[in-house]
């Protein structure tokens, strides 16, 4: 039987390939040792309660907001804060990067006369210190609550005077009208001007980050959003599930203690505190966890 030249070449290729594979097998045990591409659980939009925890050492070195976002605007926000955290690592924080099993509970928009005291009652019951970002207007309305926050060992930061979108203001104007004004009010109530603040909505320009840092103010945002501000998804179960799902070492958790009805936030706190303690987490204030001065 005649065999064509083409067939001979084809058989020769198969023979050589077989010899190579015999000498260089990639076993299953070797394959699992090969470097794997880390999964990016943040790359798709969807339900913000749907993202798995990010536990990879590579991921944890990169500060980022863990929540999966539902809308294009929230996704842009997520990408913006991640970029700013990398661009200004000494002046802008989403989380702590020292890998200690510590977390910081933070509460925005207070104080008020109803829900801030309820939050304080829960924290006192569980002997937890947290951080409160307060607006100047509310500090003027409820100075006794500001003093109680300080007296019970919590940290205090500015949250602007009137809660505007700071990006609509020039850096100098934002500092003078919204930040410095509140700093002065806080100094009159607690005896010092805090060394850190949180921009309303977490929104701040690069120029403002730089300008505020030149005036000894660090920008503090968050790595876990409880979404307790969103009435469409802020039941007790949703708030609790979201925080516990995304929890990680060095997490800064965003919650609220005023503004509207915060009953669900208050009710979720004991579950969150008890569960995280069972998992070995300790609660720290922002100055403690980020090793920042109070003032």
C-alpha atoms as a PDB file:
ATOM      1  CA  UNK A   1       0.000   0.000   0.000  1.00  0.00           C
ATOM      2  CA  UNK A   2       1.328   3.365  -1.015  1.00  0.00           C
ATOM      3  CA  UNK A   3       1.395   6.162   1.598  1.00  0.00           C
ATOM      4  CA  UNK A   4       1.498   9.702   0.325  1.00  0.00           C
ATOM      5  CA  UNK A   5       4.165  12.135   1.391  1.00  0.00           C
ATOM      6  CA  UNK A   6       1.561  14.329   3.102  1.00  0.00           C
ATOM      7  CA  UNK A   7       0.316  11.415   5.180  1.00  0.00           C
ATOM      8  CA  UNK A   8       3.882  10.532   6.212  1.00  0.00           C
ATOM      9  CA  UNK A   9       4.512  14.086   7.401  1.00  0.00           C
ATOM     10  CA  UNK A  10       1.261  14.097   9.355  1.00  0.00           C
ATOM     11  CA  UNK A  11       2.127  10.806  11.089  1.00  0.00           C
ATOM     12  CA  UNK A  12       5.607  12.103  11.897  1.00  0.00           C
ATOM     13  CA  UNK A  13       4.141  15.215  13.570  1.00  0.00           C
ATOM     14  CA  UNK A  14       1.831  13.063  15.704  1.00  0.00           C
ATOM     15  CA  UNK A  15       4.760  10.832  16.723  1.00  0.00           C
ATOM     16  CA  UNK A  16       6.952  13.796  17.732  1.00  0.00           C
ATOM     17  CA  UNK A  17       4.108  15.396  19.688  1.00  0.00           C
ATOM     18  CA  UNK A  18       3.486  12.171  21.560  1.00  0.00           C
ATOM     19  CA  UNK A  19       7.152  11.869  22.537  1.00  0.00           C
ATOM     20  CA  UNK A  20       7.140  15.486  23.803  1.00  0.00           C
ATOM     21  CA  UNK A  21       4.022  14.985  25.909  1.00  0.00           C
ATOM     22  CA  UNK A  22       5.424  11.741  27.340  1.00  0.00           C
ATOM     23  CA  UNK A  23       8.605  13.540  28.457  1.00  0.00           C
ATOM     24  CA  UNK A  24       6.810  16.686  29.671  1.00  0.00           C
ATOM     25  CA  UNK A  25       3.491  15.700  31.244  1.00  0.00           C
ATOM     26  CA  UNK A  26       1.457  18.464  32.943  1.00  0.00           C
ATOM     27  CA  UNK A  27      -0.178  16.506  35.711  1.00  0.00           C
ATOM     28  CA  UNK A  28      -3.158  17.707  37.646  1.00  0.00           C
ATOM     29  CA  UNK A  29      -0.971  18.279  40.702  1.00  0.00           C
ATOM     30  CA  UNK A  30       1.410  20.475  38.700  1.00  0.00           C
ATOM     31  CA  UNK A  31      -1.386  22.374  37.066  1.00  0.00           C
ATOM     32  CA  UNK A  32      -2.838  23.457  40.381  1.00  0.00           C
ATOM     33  CA  UNK A  33       0.574  24.928  41.333  1.00  0.00           C
ATOM     34  CA  UNK A  34       0.714  27.161  38.289  1.00  0.00           C
ATOM     35  CA  UNK A  35      -0.041  30.891  38.874  1.00  0.00           C
ATOM     36  CA  UNK A  36      -3.741  31.604  38.559  1.00  0.00           C
ATOM     37  CA  UNK A  37      -5.339  34.846  37.419  1.00  0.00           C
ATOM     38  CA  UNK A  38      -7.103  36.339  40.488  1.00  0.00           C
ATOM     39  CA  UNK A  39     -10.851  36.610  40.049  1.00  0.00           C
ATOM     40  CA  UNK A  40     -12.100  40.184  39.979  1.00  0.00           C
ATOM     41  CA  UNK A  41     -15.475  39.961  41.680  1.00  0.00           C
ATOM     42  CA  UNK A  42     -16.016  43.675  41.162  1.00  0.00           C
ATOM     43  CA  UNK A  43     -15.976  43.731  37.377  1.00  0.00           C
ATOM     44  CA  UNK A  44     -19.700  43.291  36.753  1.00  0.00           C
ATOM     45  CA  UNK A  45     -22.607  45.433  37.805  1.00  0.00           C
ATOM     46  CA  UNK A  46     -25.468  43.863  39.732  1.00  0.00           C
ATOM     47  CA  UNK A  47     -27.086  43.565  43.130  1.00  0.00           C
ATOM     48  CA  UNK A  48     -24.772  45.151  45.690  1.00  0.00           C
ATOM     49  CA  UNK A  49     -25.375  42.194  48.019  1.00  0.00           C
ATOM     50  CA  UNK A  50     -24.132  39.709  45.440  1.00  0.00           C
ATOM     51  CA  UNK A  51     -20.362  40.093  45.526  1.00  0.00           C
ATOM     52  CA  UNK A  52     -18.184  37.478  47.225  1.00  0.00           C
ATOM     53  CA  UNK A  53     -15.602  38.443  49.817  1.00  0.00           C
ATOM     54  CA  UNK A  54     -12.210  39.547  48.505  1.00  0.00           C
ATOM     55  CA  UNK A  55      -9.739  37.490  50.533  1.00  0.00           C
ATOM     56  CA  UNK A  56      -6.800  37.259  48.127  1.00  0.00           C
ATOM     57  CA  UNK A  57      -3.608  38.852  49.529  1.00  0.00           C
ATOM     58  CA  UNK A  58      -3.123  40.557  46.174  1.00  0.00           C
ATOM     59  CA  UNK A  59      -6.582  42.102  46.267  1.00  0.00           C
ATOM     60  CA  UNK A  60      -6.346  43.186  49.898  1.00  0.00           C
ATOM     61  CA  UNK A  61      -3.258  45.330  49.152  1.00  0.00           C
ATOM     62  CA  UNK A  62      -5.290  47.467  46.782  1.00  0.00           C
ATOM     63  CA  UNK A  63      -7.761  49.769  48.562  1.00  0.00           C
ATOM     64  CA  UNK A  64     -11.174  49.557  46.964  1.00  0.00           C
ATOM     65  CA  UNK A  65     -14.889  49.703  47.625  1.00  0.00           C
ATOM     66  CA  UNK A  66     -16.110  46.116  47.903  1.00  0.00           C
ATOM     67  CA  UNK A  67     -19.765  46.574  46.956  1.00  0.00           C
ATOM     68  CA  UNK A  68     -21.014  45.565  43.555  1.00  0.00           C
ATOM     69  CA  UNK A  69     -22.886  48.509  42.114  1.00  0.00           C
ATOM     70  CA  UNK A  70     -26.321  48.569  40.516  1.00  0.00           C
ATOM     71  CA  UNK A  71     -26.056  51.732  38.430  1.00  0.00           C
ATOM     72  CA  UNK A  72     -23.574  53.327  36.062  1.00  0.00           C
ATOM     73  CA  UNK A  73     -23.189  56.348  38.357  1.00  0.00           C
ATOM     74  CA  UNK A  74     -22.366  54.195  41.361  1.00  0.00           C
ATOM     75  CA  UNK A  75     -19.898  52.180  39.296  1.00  0.00           C
ATOM     76  CA  UNK A  76     -18.175  55.414  38.246  1.00  0.00           C
ATOM     77  CA  UNK A  77     -18.058  56.438  41.905  1.00  0.00           C
ATOM     78  CA  UNK A  78     -16.492  53.096  42.809  1.00  0.00           C
ATOM     79  CA  UNK A  79     -13.806  53.476  40.153  1.00  0.00           C
ATOM     80  CA  UNK A  80     -13.148  57.092  41.166  1.00  0.00           C
ATOM     81  CA  UNK A  81     -12.581  56.354  44.857  1.00  0.00           C
ATOM     82  CA  UNK A  82     -10.275  53.447  44.015  1.00  0.00           C
ATOM     83  CA  UNK A  83      -8.211  55.722  41.763  1.00  0.00           C
ATOM     84  CA  UNK A  84      -8.050  58.446  44.406  1.00  0.00           C
ATOM     85  CA  UNK A  85      -6.989  55.995  47.111  1.00  0.00           C
ATOM     86  CA  UNK A  86      -4.074  54.882  44.943  1.00  0.00           C
ATOM     87  CA  UNK A  87      -3.191  58.420  43.875  1.00  0.00           C
ATOM     88  CA  UNK A  88      -3.169  59.875  47.415  1.00  0.00           C
ATOM     89  CA  UNK A  89      -2.215  56.987  49.736  1.00  0.00           C
ATOM     90  CA  UNK A  90      -1.148  59.252  52.621  1.00  0.00           C
ATOM     91  CA  UNK A  91      -4.115  61.612  52.494  1.00  0.00           C
ATOM     92  CA  UNK A  92      -7.137  59.598  51.315  1.00  0.00           C
ATOM     93  CA  UNK A  93      -8.349  56.332  52.848  1.00  0.00           C
ATOM     94  CA  UNK A  94     -10.903  53.663  51.983  1.00  0.00           C
ATOM     95  CA  UNK A  95      -9.563  51.070  54.420  1.00  0.00           C
ATOM     96  CA  UNK A  96      -6.594  50.078  56.554  1.00  0.00           C
ATOM     97  CA  UNK A  97      -3.967  47.989  54.791  1.00  0.00           C
ATOM     98  CA  UNK A  98      -2.105  46.454  57.731  1.00  0.00           C
ATOM     99  CA  UNK A  99      -4.191  43.245  57.688  1.00  0.00           C
ATOM    100  CA  UNK A 100      -5.047  43.297  61.383  1.00  0.00           C
ATOM    101  CA  UNK A 101      -8.442  41.787  62.150  1.00  0.00           C
ATOM    102  CA  UNK A 102      -9.901  45.191  62.904  1.00  0.00           C
ATOM    103  CA  UNK A 103     -12.848  47.120  61.491  1.00  0.00           C
ATOM    104  CA  UNK A 104     -14.192  50.631  61.945  1.00  0.00           C
ATOM    105  CA  UNK A 105     -17.891  51.416  62.223  1.00  0.00           C
ATOM    106  CA  UNK A 106     -18.563  54.939  60.963  1.00  0.00           C
ATOM    107  CA  UNK A 107     -21.769  56.960  61.130  1.00  0.00           C
ATOM    108  CA  UNK A 108     -22.575  59.971  58.942  1.00  0.00           C
ATOM    109  CA  UNK A 109     -25.010  62.903  59.030  1.00  0.00           C
ATOM    110  CA  UNK A 110     -25.461  63.284  62.781  1.00  0.00           C
ATOM    111  CA  UNK A 111     -26.069  64.255  65.332  1.00  0.00           C
ATOM    112  CA  UNK A 112     -29.818  64.250  65.844  1.00  0.00           C
ATOM    113  CA  UNK A 113     -32.038  63.909  68.886  1.00  0.00           C
ATOM    114  CA  UNK A 114     -33.571  60.528  67.995  1.00  0.00           C
ATOM    115  CA  UNK A 115     -31.370  58.031  66.193  1.00  0.00           C
ATOM    116  CA  UNK A 116     -27.860  59.167  67.168  1.00  0.00           C
ATOM    117  CA  UNK A 117     -28.676  58.559  70.874  1.00  0.00           C
ATOM    118  CA  UNK A 118     -30.074  55.121  69.963  1.00  0.00           C
ATOM    119  CA  UNK A 119     -26.887  54.250  68.080  1.00  0.00           C
ATOM    120  CA  UNK A 120     -24.858  55.454  71.072  1.00  0.00           C
ATOM    121  CA  UNK A 121     -26.950  53.303  73.417  1.00  0.00           C
ATOM    122  CA  UNK A 122     -26.178  50.159  71.405  1.00  0.00           C
ATOM    123  CA  UNK A 123     -22.479  50.963  71.139  1.00  0.00           C
ATOM    124  CA  UNK A 124     -22.331  51.594  74.894  1.00  0.00           C
ATOM    125  CA  UNK A 125     -24.092  48.307  75.643  1.00  0.00           C
ATOM    126  CA  UNK A 126     -21.508  46.398  73.599  1.00  0.00           C
ATOM    127  CA  UNK A 127     -18.542  48.543  74.644  1.00  0.00           C
ATOM    128  CA  UNK A 128     -17.747  49.455  71.032  1.00  0.00           C
ATOM    129  CA  UNK A 129     -16.026  52.669  69.991  1.00  0.00           C
ATOM    130  CA  UNK A 130     -16.950  54.070  66.589  1.00  0.00           C
ATOM    131  CA  UNK A 131     -16.386  57.188  64.508  1.00  0.00           C
ATOM    132  CA  UNK A 132     -19.028  59.844  63.872  1.00  0.00           C
ATOM    133  CA  UNK A 133     -18.833  62.261  60.946  1.00  0.00           C
ATOM    134  CA  UNK A 134     -20.936  65.251  61.954  1.00  0.00           C
ATOM    135  CA  UNK A 135     -22.345  68.188  60.006  1.00  0.00           C
ATOM    136  CA  UNK A 136     -21.881  71.714  61.301  1.00  0.00           C
ATOM    137  CA  UNK A 137     -25.569  72.540  61.144  1.00  0.00           C
ATOM    138  CA  UNK A 138     -26.510  69.523  63.267  1.00  0.00           C
ATOM    139  CA  UNK A 139     -23.715  70.196  65.745  1.00  0.00           C
ATOM    140  CA  UNK A 140     -25.205  73.638  66.338  1.00  0.00           C
ATOM    141  CA  UNK A 141     -28.669  72.117  66.836  1.00  0.00           C
ATOM    142  CA  UNK A 142     -27.613  69.284  69.157  1.00  0.00           C
ATOM    143  CA  UNK A 143     -24.410  70.278  70.981  1.00  0.00           C
ATOM    144  CA  UNK A 144     -25.235  67.998  73.931  1.00  0.00           C
ATOM    145  CA  UNK A 145     -25.208  64.952  71.631  1.00  0.00           C
ATOM    146  CA  UNK A 146     -21.795  65.977  70.264  1.00  0.00           C
ATOM    147  CA  UNK A 147     -20.482  66.132  73.807  1.00  0.00           C
ATOM    148  CA  UNK A 148     -21.992  62.743  74.605  1.00  0.00           C
ATOM    149  CA  UNK A 149     -20.275  61.204  71.559  1.00  0.00           C
ATOM    150  CA  UNK A 150     -16.946  62.489  72.822  1.00  0.00           C
ATOM    151  CA  UNK A 151     -17.604  61.558  76.461  1.00  0.00           C
ATOM    152  CA  UNK A 152     -18.324  57.937  75.527  1.00  0.00           C
ATOM    153  CA  UNK A 153     -14.977  57.510  73.786  1.00  0.00           C
ATOM    154  CA  UNK A 154     -15.929  57.790  70.120  1.00  0.00           C
ATOM    155  CA  UNK A 155     -13.942  59.626  67.470  1.00  0.00           C
ATOM    156  CA  UNK A 156     -15.371  62.644  65.689  1.00  0.00           C
ATOM    157  CA  UNK A 157     -14.718  63.978  62.199  1.00  0.00           C
ATOM    158  CA  UNK A 158     -16.228  66.731  60.098  1.00  0.00           C
ATOM    159  CA  UNK A 159     -18.858  65.927  57.484  1.00  0.00           C
ATOM    160  CA  UNK A 160     -19.039  69.497  56.105  1.00  0.00           C
ATOM    161  CA  UNK A 161     -21.318  72.259  57.347  1.00  0.00           C
ATOM    162  CA  UNK A 162     -24.420  71.896  55.156  1.00  0.00           C
ATOM    163  CA  UNK A 163     -23.825  68.553  53.360  1.00  0.00           C
ATOM    164  CA  UNK A 164     -23.368  69.811  49.777  1.00  0.00           C
ATOM    165  CA  UNK A 165     -21.650  68.108  46.864  1.00  0.00           C
ATOM    166  CA  UNK A 166     -18.183  69.556  47.419  1.00  0.00           C
ATOM    167  CA  UNK A 167     -17.224  68.930  43.788  1.00  0.00           C
ATOM    168  CA  UNK A 168     -19.410  71.888  42.806  1.00  0.00           C
ATOM    169  CA  UNK A 169     -17.165  74.200  44.835  1.00  0.00           C
ATOM    170  CA  UNK A 170     -13.604  75.336  44.272  1.00  0.00           C
ATOM    171  CA  UNK A 171     -11.156  73.843  46.743  1.00  0.00           C
ATOM    172  CA  UNK A 172     -10.588  77.100  48.646  1.00  0.00           C
ATOM    173  CA  UNK A 173     -14.325  77.880  48.867  1.00  0.00           C
ATOM    174  CA  UNK A 174     -15.152  74.332  49.977  1.00  0.00           C
ATOM    175  CA  UNK A 175     -12.544  74.506  52.708  1.00  0.00           C
ATOM    176  CA  UNK A 176     -13.551  77.913  54.044  1.00  0.00           C
ATOM    177  CA  UNK A 177     -17.349  77.558  53.914  1.00  0.00           C
ATOM    178  CA  UNK A 178     -17.872  73.864  54.596  1.00  0.00           C
ATOM    179  CA  UNK A 179     -14.823  72.410  56.321  1.00  0.00           C
ATOM    180  CA  UNK A 180     -13.232  75.192  58.362  1.00  0.00           C
ATOM    181  CA  UNK A 181     -16.628  76.428  59.532  1.00  0.00           C
ATOM    182  CA  UNK A 182     -17.459  73.001  60.948  1.00  0.00           C
ATOM    183  CA  UNK A 183     -13.974  72.584  62.388  1.00  0.00           C
ATOM    184  CA  UNK A 184     -14.468  75.805  64.342  1.00  0.00           C
ATOM    185  CA  UNK A 185     -17.836  74.634  65.675  1.00  0.00           C
ATOM    186  CA  UNK A 186     -16.368  71.293  66.733  1.00  0.00           C
ATOM    187  CA  UNK A 187     -13.437  72.959  68.456  1.00  0.00           C
ATOM    188  CA  UNK A 188     -15.889  74.968  70.548  1.00  0.00           C
ATOM    189  CA  UNK A 189     -17.713  71.783  71.578  1.00  0.00           C
ATOM    190  CA  UNK A 190     -14.991  69.142  71.999  1.00  0.00           C
ATOM    191  CA  UNK A 191     -11.875  71.298  72.451  1.00  0.00           C
ATOM    192  CA  UNK A 192     -10.035  70.484  69.236  1.00  0.00           C
ATOM    193  CA  UNK A 193     -10.313  70.442  65.463  1.00  0.00           C
ATOM    194  CA  UNK A 194     -10.348  66.867  64.071  1.00  0.00           C
ATOM    195  CA  UNK A 195      -7.562  65.817  61.723  1.00  0.00           C
ATOM    196  CA  UNK A 196      -9.872  64.028  59.310  1.00  0.00           C
ATOM    197  CA  UNK A 197     -13.200  64.545  57.567  1.00  0.00           C
ATOM    198  CA  UNK A 198     -15.572  62.734  55.243  1.00  0.00           C
ATOM    199  CA  UNK A 199     -16.941  64.479  52.137  1.00  0.00           C
ATOM    200  CA  UNK A 200     -20.736  64.325  51.725  1.00  0.00           C
ATOM    201  CA  UNK A 201     -21.692  61.458  49.411  1.00  0.00           C
ATOM    202  CA  UNK A 202     -18.004  60.478  49.462  1.00  0.00           C
ATOM    203  CA  UNK A 203     -17.539  62.917  46.575  1.00  0.00           C
ATOM    204  CA  UNK A 204     -14.430  65.090  46.425  1.00  0.00           C
ATOM    205  CA  UNK A 205     -12.101  66.364  43.706  1.00  0.00           C
ATOM    206  CA  UNK A 206      -8.403  65.613  43.493  1.00  0.00           C
ATOM    207  CA  UNK A 207      -7.673  69.326  43.969  1.00  0.00           C
ATOM    208  CA  UNK A 208      -9.708  69.336  47.184  1.00  0.00           C
ATOM    209  CA  UNK A 209      -7.920  66.269  48.534  1.00  0.00           C
ATOM    210  CA  UNK A 210      -4.598  68.028  47.977  1.00  0.00           C
ATOM    211  CA  UNK A 211      -5.761  71.374  49.365  1.00  0.00           C
ATOM    212  CA  UNK A 212      -7.342  69.853  52.462  1.00  0.00           C
ATOM    213  CA  UNK A 213      -4.214  67.769  53.099  1.00  0.00           C
ATOM    214  CA  UNK A 214      -2.160  70.967  52.975  1.00  0.00           C
ATOM    215  CA  UNK A 215      -4.360  72.108  55.859  1.00  0.00           C
ATOM    216  CA  UNK A 216      -3.699  68.889  57.822  1.00  0.00           C
ATOM    217  CA  UNK A 217      -6.957  67.143  56.955  1.00  0.00           C
ATOM    218  CA  UNK A 218      -7.149  63.534  55.805  1.00  0.00           C
ATOM    219  CA  UNK A 219     -10.045  62.357  53.614  1.00  0.00           C
ATOM    220  CA  UNK A 220     -11.844  59.263  54.933  1.00  0.00           C
ATOM    221  CA  UNK A 221     -14.288  57.315  52.766  1.00  0.00           C
ATOM    222  CA  UNK A 222     -15.192  53.620  53.079  1.00  0.00           C
ATOM    223  CA  UNK A 223     -14.621  50.111  51.743  1.00  0.00           C
ATOM    224  CA  UNK A 224     -18.085  48.728  52.662  1.00  0.00           C
ATOM    225  CA  UNK A 225     -21.307  50.615  52.055  1.00  0.00           C
ATOM    226  CA  UNK A 226     -24.181  49.308  54.178  1.00  0.00           C
ATOM    227  CA  UNK A 227     -26.664  51.031  51.845  1.00  0.00           C
ATOM    228  CA  UNK A 228     -28.681  51.965  54.935  1.00  0.00           C
ATOM    229  CA  UNK A 229     -29.310  55.260  53.132  1.00  0.00           C
ATOM    230  CA  UNK A 230     -31.250  53.559  50.312  1.00  0.00           C
ATOM    231  CA  UNK A 231     -34.884  52.948  51.260  1.00  0.00           C
ATOM    232  CA  UNK A 232     -35.219  50.359  48.476  1.00  0.00           C
ATOM    233  CA  UNK A 233     -32.681  48.025  50.050  1.00  0.00           C
ATOM    234  CA  UNK A 234     -32.137  48.942  53.704  1.00  0.00           C
ATOM    235  CA  UNK A 235     -34.120  46.418  55.697  1.00  0.00           C
ATOM    236  CA  UNK A 236     -32.387  45.034  58.788  1.00  0.00           C
ATOM    237  CA  UNK A 237     -31.663  41.785  56.947  1.00  0.00           C
ATOM    238  CA  UNK A 238     -30.231  43.589  53.915  1.00  0.00           C
ATOM    239  CA  UNK A 239     -27.990  45.896  55.956  1.00  0.00           C
ATOM    240  CA  UNK A 240     -26.716  43.011  58.073  1.00  0.00           C
ATOM    241  CA  UNK A 241     -26.206  40.598  55.195  1.00  0.00           C
ATOM    242  CA  UNK A 242     -24.362  43.164  53.106  1.00  0.00           C
ATOM    243  CA  UNK A 243     -21.871  44.110  55.805  1.00  0.00           C
ATOM    244  CA  UNK A 244     -21.199  40.515  56.851  1.00  0.00           C
ATOM    245  CA  UNK A 245     -20.803  39.377  53.241  1.00  0.00           C
ATOM    246  CA  UNK A 246     -18.245  42.034  52.331  1.00  0.00           C
ATOM    247  CA  UNK A 247     -16.362  42.143  55.633  1.00  0.00           C
ATOM    248  CA  UNK A 248     -12.576  42.133  55.463  1.00  0.00           C
ATOM    249  CA  UNK A 249      -9.647  43.073  57.658  1.00  0.00           C
ATOM    250  CA  UNK A 250      -9.208  46.815  57.909  1.00  0.00           C
ATOM    251  CA  UNK A 251     -12.737  47.550  56.673  1.00  0.00           C
ATOM    252  CA  UNK A 252     -14.230  50.999  57.055  1.00  0.00           C
ATOM    253  CA  UNK A 253     -18.002  50.535  57.160  1.00  0.00           C
ATOM    254  CA  UNK A 254     -20.382  53.312  56.129  1.00  0.00           C
ATOM    255  CA  UNK A 255     -23.593  53.722  58.142  1.00  0.00           C
ATOM    256  CA  UNK A 256     -25.769  56.675  59.166  1.00  0.00           C
ATOM    257  CA  UNK A 257     -27.063  57.953  62.498  1.00  0.00           C
ATOM    258  CA  UNK A 258     -29.345  60.770  61.335  1.00  0.00           C
ATOM    259  CA  UNK A 259     -31.044  62.313  58.320  1.00  0.00           C
ATOM    260  CA  UNK A 260     -34.147  60.126  58.030  1.00  0.00           C
ATOM    261  CA  UNK A 261     -35.555  57.123  59.866  1.00  0.00           C
ATOM    262  CA  UNK A 262     -32.525  55.047  60.938  1.00  0.00           C
ATOM    263  CA  UNK A 263     -34.454  52.412  62.905  1.00  0.00           C
ATOM    264  CA  UNK A 264     -33.139  49.608  60.716  1.00  0.00           C
ATOM    265  CA  UNK A 265     -29.576  50.777  61.194  1.00  0.00           C
ATOM    266  CA  UNK A 266     -30.033  50.758  64.959  1.00  0.00           C
ATOM    267  CA  UNK A 267     -31.672  47.323  64.920  1.00  0.00           C
ATOM    268  CA  UNK A 268     -28.958  45.812  62.724  1.00  0.00           C
ATOM    269  CA  UNK A 269     -26.089  46.928  64.968  1.00  0.00           C
ATOM    270  CA  UNK A 270     -26.319  44.202  67.668  1.00  0.00           C
ATOM    271  CA  UNK A 271     -26.346  41.472  65.016  1.00  0.00           C
ATOM    272  CA  UNK A 272     -23.361  42.993  63.213  1.00  0.00           C
ATOM    273  CA  UNK A 273     -21.358  43.533  66.390  1.00  0.00           C
ATOM    274  CA  UNK A 274     -22.044  40.071  67.833  1.00  0.00           C
ATOM    275  CA  UNK A 275     -21.318  38.275  64.560  1.00  0.00           C
ATOM    276  CA  UNK A 276     -18.088  40.116  63.859  1.00  0.00           C
ATOM    277  CA  UNK A 277     -16.855  39.512  67.385  1.00  0.00           C
ATOM    278  CA  UNK A 278     -17.591  35.810  66.959  1.00  0.00           C
ATOM    279  CA  UNK A 279     -15.410  35.949  63.836  1.00  0.00           C
ATOM    280  CA  UNK A 280     -12.570  37.487  65.851  1.00  0.00           C
ATOM    281  CA  UNK A 281     -12.843  41.103  64.722  1.00  0.00           C
ATOM    282  CA  UNK A 282     -12.074  44.051  66.979  1.00  0.00           C
ATOM    283  CA  UNK A 283     -13.752  47.436  66.626  1.00  0.00           C
ATOM    284  CA  UNK A 284     -11.531  50.495  66.328  1.00  0.00           C
ATOM    285  CA  UNK A 285     -12.010  54.179  65.709  1.00  0.00           C
ATOM    286  CA  UNK A 286     -10.605  55.724  62.543  1.00  0.00           C
ATOM    287  CA  UNK A 287      -7.647  57.347  64.362  1.00  0.00           C
ATOM    288  CA  UNK A 288      -6.816  54.029  66.038  1.00  0.00           C
ATOM    289  CA  UNK A 289      -7.065  51.869  62.936  1.00  0.00           C
ATOM    290  CA  UNK A 290      -5.331  54.275  60.546  1.00  0.00           C
ATOM    291  CA  UNK A 291      -2.882  55.528  63.210  1.00  0.00           C
ATOM    292  CA  UNK A 292      -3.937  59.147  62.747  1.00  0.00           C
ATOM    293  CA  UNK A 293      -3.888  61.877  65.392  1.00  0.00           C
ATOM    294  CA  UNK A 294      -7.253  63.001  66.729  1.00  0.00           C
ATOM    295  CA  UNK A 295      -6.406  66.612  65.927  1.00  0.00           C
END
